Protein backbone atom coordinates (compact mmCIF):
# COMPACT_ATOMS: atom_id res chain seq x y z
CA MET A 1 82.26 105.26 96.31
CA SER A 2 81.65 101.78 97.70
CA GLU A 3 83.72 98.64 97.41
CA GLU A 4 80.90 96.99 95.42
CA SER A 5 81.35 99.58 92.69
CA PHE A 6 85.01 98.63 92.36
CA VAL A 7 84.25 94.93 92.03
CA TYR A 8 81.62 95.30 89.31
CA THR A 9 83.95 97.53 87.34
CA ALA A 10 86.95 95.29 87.94
CA CYS A 11 85.74 91.84 87.04
CA PRO A 12 83.69 91.61 83.85
CA GLY A 13 85.64 88.45 83.02
CA TRP A 14 88.33 86.60 84.91
CA GLY A 15 90.32 84.72 82.29
CA ASP A 16 93.84 83.98 83.50
CA HIS A 17 94.57 87.41 84.97
CA ASP A 18 95.23 88.39 88.57
CA TYR A 19 93.43 91.06 90.57
CA CYS A 20 94.42 92.70 93.82
CA ALA A 21 92.24 94.89 96.04
CA LEU A 22 93.97 96.86 98.78
CA LYS A 23 91.90 97.68 101.87
CA THR A 24 92.67 99.97 104.78
CA ILE A 25 90.79 97.70 107.23
CA VAL A 26 89.83 94.04 106.98
CA LYS A 27 87.71 93.43 110.10
CA ASP A 28 84.54 95.27 109.14
CA GLY A 29 83.00 92.55 106.95
CA LYS A 30 84.48 93.55 103.57
CA ILE A 31 86.20 90.22 103.00
CA GLU A 32 83.02 88.33 103.92
CA ARG A 33 81.04 90.40 101.41
CA MET A 34 83.63 89.62 98.71
CA GLU A 35 83.46 85.91 99.49
CA ARG A 36 79.66 85.92 99.18
CA ILE A 37 80.05 87.21 95.61
CA PHE A 38 83.19 85.44 94.36
CA GLY A 39 83.38 82.42 96.66
CA SER A 40 86.65 80.51 96.82
CA ARG A 41 88.38 82.84 94.35
CA VAL A 42 88.98 85.37 97.13
CA THR A 43 92.37 85.16 98.88
CA PRO A 44 92.52 87.25 102.08
CA TYR A 45 95.90 88.54 103.25
CA HIS A 46 96.36 90.61 106.40
CA SER A 47 98.24 90.71 109.70
CA LYS A 48 95.61 88.66 111.57
CA LEU A 49 96.67 85.55 109.66
CA THR A 50 99.27 83.28 111.24
CA ASN A 51 102.79 83.16 109.82
CA ARG A 52 102.13 79.66 108.51
CA ARG A 53 98.95 80.73 106.71
CA ARG A 54 100.67 83.74 105.17
CA THR A 55 103.59 81.56 104.01
CA GLU A 56 101.19 79.05 102.44
CA THR A 57 99.38 81.88 100.65
CA TYR A 58 102.63 83.30 99.32
CA LEU A 59 103.84 79.92 98.01
CA ARG A 60 100.48 79.08 96.43
CA LEU A 61 100.33 82.42 94.61
CA ASN A 62 103.92 81.93 93.46
CA ARG A 63 102.90 78.64 91.79
CA SER A 64 99.66 80.03 90.35
CA GLN A 65 99.42 80.88 86.66
CA GLY A 66 96.62 83.44 87.05
CA GLY A 67 92.96 83.85 87.91
CA GLU A 68 93.63 85.03 91.46
CA PHE A 69 91.70 87.67 93.41
CA VAL A 70 93.60 88.94 96.48
CA VAL A 71 91.89 91.15 99.07
CA GLY A 72 94.34 92.47 101.63
CA VAL A 73 96.12 95.34 103.31
CA ARG A 74 99.02 97.45 102.01
CA SER A 75 101.60 94.64 102.17
CA SER A 76 99.49 92.63 99.67
CA ILE A 77 101.01 94.70 96.89
CA PHE A 78 104.22 92.65 97.24
CA LEU A 79 102.57 89.24 96.76
CA PRO A 80 103.89 87.25 93.72
CA LEU A 81 101.02 87.74 91.24
CA LYS A 82 102.51 86.81 87.88
CA ARG A 83 99.82 88.26 85.61
CA LEU A 84 98.67 91.29 87.51
CA GLN A 85 96.14 93.29 85.48
CA LEU A 86 94.17 95.35 87.99
CA VAL A 87 94.88 96.85 91.42
CA VAL A 88 91.97 98.45 93.28
CA VAL A 89 92.97 100.81 96.09
CA ASP A 90 89.95 101.42 98.31
CA GLU A 91 89.91 104.74 100.23
CA GLU A 92 93.11 105.79 98.49
CA HIS A 93 93.34 108.98 100.58
CA ASP A 94 93.88 107.05 103.82
CA ALA A 95 97.18 107.87 105.52
CA SER A 96 97.64 104.27 106.71
CA TYR A 97 98.70 103.23 103.21
CA LYS A 98 102.02 104.90 103.95
CA GLN A 99 104.37 102.83 106.11
CA ALA A 100 106.94 105.02 107.81
CA ASP A 101 108.30 102.58 110.38
CA PRO A 102 109.69 99.91 110.30
CA ALA A 103 111.45 99.39 107.01
CA PRO A 104 110.60 99.02 104.18
CA ARG A 105 109.15 102.52 104.04
CA TYR A 106 106.71 102.89 101.18
CA ASN A 107 103.31 104.18 100.13
CA ALA A 108 101.17 101.28 98.92
CA ARG A 109 98.98 103.54 96.79
CA ASP A 110 101.96 104.86 94.82
CA CYS A 111 103.45 101.37 94.61
CA ALA A 112 100.17 100.11 93.14
CA VAL A 113 100.28 102.75 90.40
CA VAL A 114 103.89 101.95 89.50
CA MET A 115 103.46 98.17 89.68
CA ALA A 116 100.37 98.14 87.48
CA ARG A 117 102.23 100.26 84.93
CA LEU A 118 105.17 97.84 84.94
CA TRP A 119 102.85 94.87 84.36
CA GLY A 120 100.78 96.66 81.73
CA GLY A 121 97.72 96.63 83.97
CA ARG A 122 95.44 99.24 85.49
CA THR A 123 95.07 100.86 88.89
CA LEU A 124 91.70 102.00 90.24
CA LEU A 125 91.93 104.56 93.04
CA GLY A 126 88.60 104.83 94.81
CA SER A 127 87.56 107.47 97.32
CA ALA A 128 84.68 109.82 98.06
CA THR A 129 87.28 112.32 99.30
CA PRO A 130 90.42 111.81 97.16
CA SER A 131 93.76 113.13 98.28
CA LEU A 132 94.92 116.45 96.87
CA GLU A 133 97.64 114.90 94.71
CA THR A 134 95.21 112.39 93.20
CA TRP A 135 92.64 115.11 92.56
CA VAL A 136 95.21 117.31 90.83
CA ASN A 137 96.43 114.37 88.71
CA ALA A 138 92.84 113.63 87.67
CA GLY A 139 92.16 117.29 86.88
CA SER A 140 95.31 117.62 84.77
CA GLY A 141 94.54 114.53 82.70
CA LYS A 142 97.32 112.36 84.12
CA TYR A 143 94.68 110.08 85.66
CA GLY A 144 91.30 109.20 84.19
CA LEU A 145 88.32 110.36 86.25
CA ALA A 146 85.06 108.46 86.78
CA SER A 147 82.55 110.18 89.07
CA LEU A 148 79.64 108.53 90.87
CA THR A 149 77.13 111.35 91.16
CA GLU A 150 74.39 109.33 92.84
CA ARG A 151 74.28 107.21 95.97
CA TYR A 152 73.37 103.56 95.78
CA GLY A 153 69.66 102.75 95.61
CA ASP A 154 67.29 105.39 96.92
CA ALA A 155 69.75 106.78 99.46
CA ARG A 156 69.89 110.57 99.66
CA PRO A 157 72.93 112.75 100.34
CA PRO A 158 73.08 114.12 103.88
CA GLU A 159 71.76 117.51 104.81
CA ILE A 160 74.50 119.44 106.60
CA PHE A 161 74.00 121.80 109.52
CA VAL A 162 76.74 123.90 111.10
CA SER A 163 75.99 124.65 114.74
CA ASP A 164 77.90 127.59 116.22
CA THR A 165 78.70 126.61 119.81
CA ILE A 166 79.94 130.09 120.79
CA ARG A 167 76.63 131.59 119.78
CA ALA A 168 74.76 128.76 121.49
CA ALA A 169 76.71 129.34 124.72
CA LYS A 170 75.87 133.06 124.68
CA ARG A 171 72.19 132.25 124.22
CA GLY A 172 72.18 129.60 126.92
CA GLU A 173 71.42 126.86 124.39
CA ARG A 174 74.36 124.65 125.29
CA HIS A 175 73.96 121.65 127.60
CA ALA A 176 77.17 119.94 128.76
CA HIS A 177 79.18 119.63 125.51
CA PHE A 178 76.23 119.61 123.13
CA ASN A 179 74.27 122.33 121.38
CA LYS A 180 70.50 122.45 121.59
CA LEU A 181 70.25 121.94 117.82
CA LEU A 182 72.10 118.62 118.01
CA LEU A 183 70.15 117.45 121.08
CA ASP A 184 66.82 118.30 119.44
CA LYS A 185 67.70 116.36 116.30
CA MET A 186 68.93 113.43 118.38
CA GLU A 187 65.65 113.37 120.28
CA ALA A 188 63.68 113.48 117.02
CA ALA A 189 65.73 110.66 115.46
CA LEU A 190 65.42 108.45 118.54
CA GLY A 191 61.67 109.17 118.64
CA ARG A 192 61.35 107.78 115.11
CA GLY A 193 63.19 104.63 116.14
CA GLU A 194 66.33 105.56 114.20
CA GLN A 195 69.98 105.48 115.24
CA VAL A 196 72.57 108.17 115.92
CA MET A 197 76.35 108.24 115.56
CA LEU A 198 78.53 110.78 117.40
CA PHE A 199 82.11 111.37 116.28
CA GLN A 200 84.73 112.80 118.64
CA ASN A 201 88.30 112.47 117.44
CA ARG A 202 89.77 112.07 120.91
CA ARG A 203 89.55 109.03 123.15
CA GLY A 204 89.64 108.97 126.92
CA PHE A 205 87.62 111.05 129.39
CA ALA A 206 89.62 114.29 129.15
CA PRO A 207 92.69 115.28 127.07
CA TYR A 208 94.54 116.49 130.18
CA VAL A 209 94.20 117.37 133.85
CA GLU A 210 95.15 120.76 135.25
CA CYS A 211 95.56 122.44 138.60
CA SER A 212 93.13 125.35 138.80
CA GLU A 213 95.45 127.16 141.26
CA CYS A 214 98.89 127.11 139.62
CA GLY A 215 98.16 125.70 136.14
CA TRP A 216 100.22 122.49 136.51
CA THR A 217 99.45 119.77 133.95
CA ALA A 218 100.47 116.10 134.04
CA ARG A 219 102.98 115.27 131.31
CA CYS A 220 104.68 112.11 130.09
CA PRO A 221 108.32 111.97 131.30
CA HIS A 222 109.37 110.27 128.05
CA CYS A 223 107.36 112.13 125.36
CA ASN A 224 106.74 115.50 127.08
CA VAL A 225 103.07 115.48 126.02
CA THR A 226 100.05 115.85 128.29
CA LEU A 227 98.65 112.66 129.78
CA THR A 228 95.07 111.76 128.90
CA TYR A 229 92.70 111.08 131.79
CA HIS A 230 90.84 107.75 131.55
CA LYS A 231 88.06 107.70 134.10
CA GLY A 232 87.24 104.02 133.61
CA GLY A 233 90.67 102.91 134.76
CA GLY A 234 91.25 105.89 137.04
CA LYS A 235 94.63 106.66 135.51
CA LEU A 236 96.56 109.01 133.26
CA VAL A 237 97.82 107.51 129.99
CA CYS A 238 100.27 108.66 127.33
CA HIS A 239 98.79 107.82 123.92
CA TYR A 240 102.26 107.81 122.34
CA CYS A 241 104.38 105.43 124.42
CA GLY A 242 101.75 103.89 126.73
CA TYR A 243 103.16 105.34 129.97
CA THR A 244 100.59 105.33 132.79
CA ALA A 245 100.39 107.17 136.11
CA PRO A 246 97.79 107.43 138.87
CA VAL A 247 95.70 110.57 139.15
CA PRO A 248 97.30 112.73 141.88
CA VAL A 249 95.15 113.50 144.90
CA LYS A 250 96.70 116.96 145.25
CA CYS A 251 98.59 119.08 142.77
CA PRO A 252 102.26 117.91 142.90
CA SER A 253 103.43 121.48 142.28
CA CYS A 254 101.52 123.69 144.74
CA LYS A 255 99.97 121.02 147.01
CA VAL A 256 96.87 123.25 147.36
CA THR A 257 93.97 121.98 145.26
CA ASP A 258 92.88 118.92 143.35
CA VAL A 259 93.56 118.59 139.65
CA VAL A 260 90.53 118.87 137.38
CA PRO A 261 89.97 117.32 133.93
CA ARG A 262 89.87 119.70 130.97
CA GLY A 263 88.17 119.10 127.63
CA PHE A 264 86.31 115.94 126.71
CA GLY A 265 86.87 112.67 124.90
CA THR A 266 84.69 109.76 123.82
CA GLU A 267 84.47 108.39 127.36
CA LYS A 268 82.99 111.64 128.66
CA VAL A 269 80.67 111.96 125.67
CA GLU A 270 79.30 108.48 126.38
CA GLU A 271 78.70 109.38 130.02
CA GLU A 272 76.96 112.69 129.23
CA ILE A 273 74.78 111.16 126.50
CA ALA A 274 73.68 108.37 128.82
CA ARG A 275 72.68 111.03 131.36
CA LEU A 276 70.80 113.18 128.82
CA PHE A 277 69.06 110.22 127.16
CA PRO A 278 68.57 107.67 129.95
CA ALA A 279 66.21 105.50 127.87
CA ALA A 280 68.65 105.20 124.94
CA ARG A 281 71.14 102.36 124.65
CA VAL A 282 74.61 103.89 124.23
CA ALA A 283 77.83 102.17 123.12
CA ARG A 284 81.37 103.41 122.54
CA LEU A 285 83.78 102.32 119.82
CA ASP A 286 87.42 103.30 120.30
CA ARG A 287 90.74 101.65 121.11
CA ASP A 288 89.89 101.58 124.81
CA SER A 289 86.58 99.77 124.43
CA VAL A 290 87.82 97.43 121.69
CA THR A 291 90.19 95.20 123.63
CA SER A 292 89.88 92.28 121.19
CA GLU A 293 88.44 91.41 117.80
CA ARG A 294 85.54 89.69 119.55
CA ALA A 295 84.67 92.90 121.42
CA PHE A 296 84.84 94.88 118.16
CA ASN A 297 82.53 92.46 116.36
CA ALA A 298 80.10 92.46 119.29
CA ILE A 299 79.77 96.26 119.30
CA ILE A 300 79.29 96.41 115.53
CA ALA A 301 76.82 93.49 115.52
CA ASP A 302 74.70 95.08 118.26
CA PHE A 303 74.55 98.40 116.44
CA GLU A 304 73.76 96.75 113.11
CA ALA A 305 70.98 94.71 114.76
CA ARG A 306 69.63 97.94 116.33
CA LYS A 307 70.28 96.72 119.84
CA THR A 308 72.18 100.01 120.32
CA ASP A 309 70.61 103.40 119.68
CA ILE A 310 73.63 105.74 119.93
CA LEU A 311 77.20 104.89 118.94
CA VAL A 312 80.00 107.17 120.14
CA GLY A 313 83.43 106.71 118.61
CA THR A 314 86.66 108.00 117.15
CA GLN A 315 87.94 107.54 113.59
CA MET A 316 87.00 103.87 113.84
CA ILE A 317 83.39 104.77 112.99
CA THR A 318 84.12 107.13 110.09
CA LYS A 319 84.33 104.68 107.18
CA GLY A 320 83.81 101.13 106.07
CA PHE A 321 80.41 100.55 107.69
CA ASP A 322 76.97 100.22 106.16
CA PHE A 323 74.30 100.76 108.82
CA GLY A 324 70.76 101.06 107.54
CA GLY A 325 69.21 102.66 110.62
CA VAL A 326 71.51 105.69 111.03
CA SER A 327 69.74 108.98 110.23
CA LEU A 328 71.87 111.43 112.22
CA VAL A 329 75.62 111.90 112.53
CA GLY A 330 77.11 114.49 114.88
CA ILE A 331 80.68 115.78 114.82
CA LEU A 332 81.65 117.27 118.16
CA ASN A 333 84.11 120.17 118.38
CA ALA A 334 84.84 119.99 114.66
CA ASP A 335 87.26 122.95 114.74
CA ASN A 336 89.83 120.81 116.54
CA LEU A 337 90.29 118.83 113.33
CA LEU A 338 91.46 122.01 111.59
CA ASN A 339 93.89 122.96 114.37
CA ASN A 340 96.12 119.88 114.31
CA PRO A 341 99.85 120.65 113.85
CA ASP A 342 99.95 119.13 110.37
CA PHE A 343 100.19 120.81 106.97
CA ARG A 344 97.46 118.42 105.79
CA ALA A 345 95.15 119.28 108.70
CA ALA A 346 92.54 121.04 106.57
CA GLU A 347 92.56 118.30 103.94
CA ARG A 348 92.20 115.50 106.48
CA ALA A 349 89.53 117.39 108.40
CA PHE A 350 87.47 117.66 105.23
CA GLN A 351 88.00 113.97 104.48
CA LEU A 352 87.03 112.88 107.99
CA MET A 353 83.90 115.00 108.06
CA MET A 354 82.74 113.81 104.65
CA GLN A 355 83.49 110.18 105.45
CA VAL A 356 81.59 110.19 108.73
CA ALA A 357 78.71 112.05 107.05
CA GLY A 358 78.45 109.19 104.60
CA ARG A 359 77.48 106.78 107.38
CA GLU A 360 73.89 108.07 107.50
CA GLY A 361 71.01 107.81 105.07
CA ARG A 362 72.54 104.83 103.23
CA ARG A 363 69.22 103.00 102.83
CA GLY A 364 66.95 105.97 102.14
CA GLY A 365 63.87 107.02 104.07
CA GLY A 366 63.84 108.76 107.43
CA ASP A 367 65.00 112.30 107.90
CA PRO A 368 68.75 112.33 107.12
CA ASP A 369 70.69 115.03 108.90
CA PHE A 370 74.35 115.67 109.53
CA GLY A 371 75.02 117.82 112.57
CA ALA A 372 78.44 119.40 112.85
CA GLY A 373 79.09 120.73 116.32
CA ALA A 374 81.89 123.23 115.73
CA SER A 375 83.24 125.86 118.08
CA ARG A 376 82.34 128.42 115.43
CA ASP A 377 81.15 128.56 111.83
CA PRO A 378 84.37 127.33 110.11
CA ALA A 379 83.85 129.27 106.89
CA GLY A 380 82.12 132.25 108.47
CA ARG A 381 79.55 132.11 105.70
CA ARG A 382 76.69 133.87 107.45
CA GLU A 383 78.83 136.79 108.63
CA ARG A 384 80.53 137.18 105.23
CA LEU A 385 77.19 137.07 103.48
CA ARG A 386 75.84 139.81 105.74
CA ARG A 387 78.90 142.07 105.34
CA HIS A 388 80.15 141.54 101.79
CA GLY A 389 77.45 139.75 99.85
CA ALA A 390 77.18 136.34 98.20
CA GLY A 391 80.54 136.57 96.40
CA ALA A 392 82.55 136.63 99.63
CA ALA A 393 80.46 133.80 101.06
CA ARG A 394 81.32 131.64 98.06
CA ARG A 395 85.00 132.51 98.34
CA ALA A 396 84.97 131.26 101.95
CA ARG A 397 84.79 127.69 100.69
CA SER A 398 88.56 127.79 100.14
CA LEU A 399 89.08 127.71 103.92
CA LEU A 400 88.41 123.98 104.10
CA LEU A 401 91.04 123.14 101.49
CA PRO A 402 93.64 125.91 101.49
CA ALA A 403 96.27 123.56 100.09
CA LEU A 404 94.18 122.94 96.98
CA ARG A 405 93.72 126.67 96.45
CA ALA A 406 97.46 127.22 96.94
CA ALA A 407 98.23 124.55 94.34
CA TYR A 408 96.08 126.25 91.71
CA VAL A 409 97.52 129.66 92.54
CA ALA A 410 101.04 128.26 92.23
CA ASP A 411 100.25 126.79 88.81
CA ALA A 412 98.62 129.98 87.55
CA ALA A 413 101.06 132.61 88.84
CA PRO A 414 104.68 132.90 87.63
CA PRO A 415 107.40 132.61 90.27
CA ARG A 416 108.38 135.89 91.88
CA ARG A 417 112.00 136.84 92.53
CA ARG A 418 112.91 137.85 96.05
CA PRO A 419 114.09 141.45 96.52
CA ALA A 420 117.83 141.94 96.49
CA ALA A 421 117.86 143.00 100.15
CA ALA A 422 116.02 139.86 101.15
CA ARG A 423 118.36 137.64 99.12
CA HIS A 424 121.45 139.04 100.83
CA HIS A 425 120.10 138.72 104.37
CA GLY A 426 120.69 135.16 105.45
CA ALA A 427 120.75 133.63 108.89
CA GLY A 428 123.02 136.39 110.11
CA GLY A 429 121.23 139.22 108.33
CA ALA A 430 118.64 141.64 109.58
CA PRO A 431 116.25 140.15 112.11
CA ALA A 432 112.78 139.22 110.95
CA ARG A 433 109.89 141.48 111.87
CA PRO A 434 108.07 140.27 114.97
CA PHE A 435 104.63 138.79 114.57
CA ARG A 436 101.92 141.30 115.35
CA SER A 437 98.55 139.91 116.32
CA PRO A 438 95.79 141.37 114.10
CA ARG A 439 93.39 141.28 117.04
CA THR A 440 95.35 142.93 119.86
CA GLY A 441 98.29 144.52 118.08
CA ALA A 442 100.74 143.05 120.61
CA ASP A 443 103.81 141.12 119.53
CA ASP A 444 103.32 137.36 119.96
CA ALA A 445 100.19 138.03 122.02
CA PRO A 446 97.97 135.03 122.53
CA ARG A 447 94.56 135.22 120.89
């Protein structure tokens, strides 16, 4: 669902009412597109504005009697709009709408729903991958649901391929960190003069460095997390607190061998792609390459003008862009998205994959593909189909969104009472049974 769809639905007539559109990002050209349609009616509000400009905007809106159209970030919900009638929340599933620190701690999406209700207005939550709570509210009738079943213009939905990297490695079809299927489709897309986007949700050259002799890994002394190796700067960086350290020449623990990088990030993907496709023009978009707003705009402008053939990036490339030349999107090591230590990991993995898939085929034509380079088939569809038939293969879809399935099961099934023995055993009761691995049968055995 695009931001243009919200605007056409939102503004059939202005009158003396106020409108507010909340955006997750404001530096990808959305405000400029709004201004081309509505002109001087648009009032931007975001953190890039100076304190004086933000104060002037606040005071002007406080004096206004209506007819305002504010486009801003989550804090825009607190601007003094006296006749608020519509709040549009773009990409309502995005986690950045929730401010956890510093105070005030709030969720701008939920605040928009409550505020519009207090003013007698409406809230429009827009997303191609709505959050679970919004989807359940829409399914239960608490929210109204409007579905866009077709893409804009003659654009076609992406064709999705799941490439099993374990199988490719056994067959010798894996080159560096890429499967032969993805490389073949990249070569075909570049041969047609089209563009490619590669998504790897980890910046840096390698997630950590390790001693191959004793297993030592470099960790942050403040956060106790592994330090990420950045080859460009030749240093180890903590992505939580910013602590940096030089790469040790010898292992500090055993003093025997050198430390070696493990895994891969966007920096290594860019290097390997440039080696595999020497004639292609490769660019990288992440927090390390975007040191300023000018650098961000330059990378985006070059890719939009087709001066760049392949764009490698993190979550920064997953949404908010409209590139006409992209016909192939690759997700590298997609299983890592499902293995994050977060109860919403499956939900956010699905959202990320669908959002980045939406970057291709937006203008129609070409041969739209979406290559997902996973470490294995996430749903195991082919194996389930071979063993248990089509019914089990369809049931495997619940793996991507287990929380949604759990919600429906919880609503359908009555609550079960715990056995009396279990109720009486508290923290000092009988010890819990040890975990037994289904694969090896050993207690707490690593898989």
